[in-house]
Amino acid sequence: DGTLAGDAYERCASARARLAEANRLMRRKEWQAAALPLREAATLNPGHYLPHLLLGRVAFEQGQWAEAKRHLETAQALYPAFGSEREMARALLSKCEAGEEK
């Protein structure tokens, strides 16, 4: 199976573990701490939208509008699987743009 070639399975499993860790930190509103496992997940699985969507949220929560916008646009380009996630990206992008105008 070409989708599991090389170390793809291990990389995918590692990325999922990093996402789970980041979600735990985000639930506790530990935004800065959540960024590291999200960046690792994005590196492990660069074609997946979710690390970028969540990095956008983390940056947004910290008032880092330009970084939030960059990650949210990347997430949108990678096409989130669920409509609710696409809507979250759009809503946060709008708020980032409003924040940049202040």
Protein backbone atom coordinates (compact mmCIF):
# COMPACT_ATOMS: atom_id res chain seq x y z
CA ASP A 1 0.00 0.00 0.00
CA GLY A 2 1.60 3.25 -1.17
CA THR A 3 -0.05 5.30 1.58
CA LEU A 4 1.90 3.38 4.22
CA ALA A 5 5.25 3.40 2.42
CA GLY A 6 8.39 3.86 4.48
CA ASP A 7 7.77 5.35 7.88
CA ALA A 8 4.40 6.91 6.96
CA TYR A 9 2.45 4.89 9.53
CA GLU A 10 4.79 5.85 12.37
CA ARG A 11 4.77 9.50 11.32
CA CYS A 12 0.98 9.53 11.19
CA ALA A 13 0.72 7.87 14.62
CA SER A 14 3.23 10.34 16.07
CA ALA A 15 1.32 13.27 14.57
CA ARG A 16 -1.94 11.97 16.10
CA ALA A 17 -0.23 11.71 19.50
CA ARG A 18 1.03 15.31 19.21
CA LEU A 19 -2.45 16.51 18.26
CA ALA A 20 -3.93 14.75 21.29
CA GLU A 21 -1.34 16.37 23.55
CA ALA A 22 -2.05 19.79 22.05
CA ASN A 23 -5.81 19.33 22.51
CA ARG A 24 -5.28 18.59 26.21
CA LEU A 25 -3.23 21.77 26.58
CA MET A 26 -5.73 23.83 24.62
CA ARG A 27 -8.61 22.66 26.84
CA ARG A 28 -6.61 24.10 29.76
CA LYS A 29 -6.01 27.28 27.72
CA GLU A 30 -2.26 26.67 27.75
CA TRP A 31 -1.92 28.24 24.33
CA GLN A 32 1.84 28.72 24.24
CA ALA A 33 2.52 25.16 25.43
CA ALA A 34 0.10 23.76 22.83
CA ALA A 35 2.03 25.36 19.96
CA LEU A 36 5.04 23.01 20.20
CA PRO A 37 3.20 19.69 19.71
CA LEU A 38 1.13 21.32 16.96
CA ARG A 39 4.26 22.44 15.10
CA GLU A 40 5.64 18.92 15.49
CA ALA A 41 2.40 17.43 14.12
CA ALA A 42 2.55 19.81 11.14
CA THR A 43 6.13 18.72 10.44
CA LEU A 44 5.27 15.03 10.75
CA ASN A 45 2.24 15.29 8.46
CA PRO A 46 2.62 18.46 6.36
CA GLY A 47 -0.36 17.73 4.13
CA HIS A 48 -2.87 17.59 6.97
CA TYR A 49 -4.97 20.68 7.68
CA LEU A 50 -5.68 20.11 11.38
CA PRO A 51 -2.32 21.13 12.89
CA HIS A 52 -2.52 24.40 10.93
CA LEU A 53 -6.13 25.01 11.93
CA LEU A 54 -5.23 24.54 15.59
CA LEU A 55 -2.01 26.58 15.28
CA GLY A 56 -4.19 29.33 13.86
CA ARG A 57 -6.46 29.12 16.87
CA VAL A 58 -3.50 29.14 19.28
CA ALA A 59 -1.98 32.20 17.59
CA PHE A 60 -5.38 33.90 17.54
CA GLU A 61 -5.87 33.33 21.28
CA GLN A 62 -2.47 34.96 21.86
CA GLY A 63 -3.29 37.97 19.69
CA GLN A 64 -0.75 37.00 17.03
CA TRP A 65 -2.93 38.01 14.10
CA ALA A 66 -0.43 37.61 11.24
CA GLU A 67 0.67 34.15 12.38
CA ALA A 68 -2.93 33.08 12.98
CA LYS A 69 -3.88 34.26 9.51
CA ARG A 70 -0.95 32.41 7.90
CA HIS A 71 -1.88 29.09 9.56
CA LEU A 72 -5.60 29.49 8.93
CA GLU A 73 -5.00 30.21 5.25
CA THR A 74 -2.77 27.12 5.07
CA ALA A 75 -5.50 25.05 6.73
CA GLN A 76 -8.06 26.32 4.23
CA ALA A 77 -5.75 25.51 1.32
CA LEU A 78 -5.42 21.95 2.64
CA TYR A 79 -9.24 21.81 2.73
CA PRO A 80 -10.57 20.83 6.17
CA ALA A 81 -12.66 17.68 6.08
CA PHE A 82 -15.66 18.96 8.02
CA GLY A 83 -17.82 21.96 7.32
CA SER A 84 -17.62 23.06 10.95
CA GLU A 85 -13.82 23.20 10.70
CA ARG A 86 -13.99 25.19 7.45
CA GLU A 87 -16.38 27.60 9.16
CA MET A 88 -14.10 27.89 12.20
CA ALA A 89 -11.18 28.82 9.90
CA ARG A 90 -13.30 31.45 8.10
CA ALA A 91 -14.57 32.95 11.36
CA LEU A 92 -11.12 33.15 12.93
CA LEU A 93 -9.68 34.67 9.74
CA SER A 94 -12.33 37.39 9.85
CA LYS A 95 -11.52 38.12 13.48
CA CYS A 96 -7.78 38.21 12.69
CA GLU A 97 -8.36 40.73 9.94
CA ALA A 98 -10.44 42.85 12.33
CA GLY A 99 -7.70 42.55 14.98
CA GLU A 100 -5.04 43.71 12.52
CA GLU A 101 -7.07 46.83 11.78
CA LYS A 102 -7.07 47.98 15.42
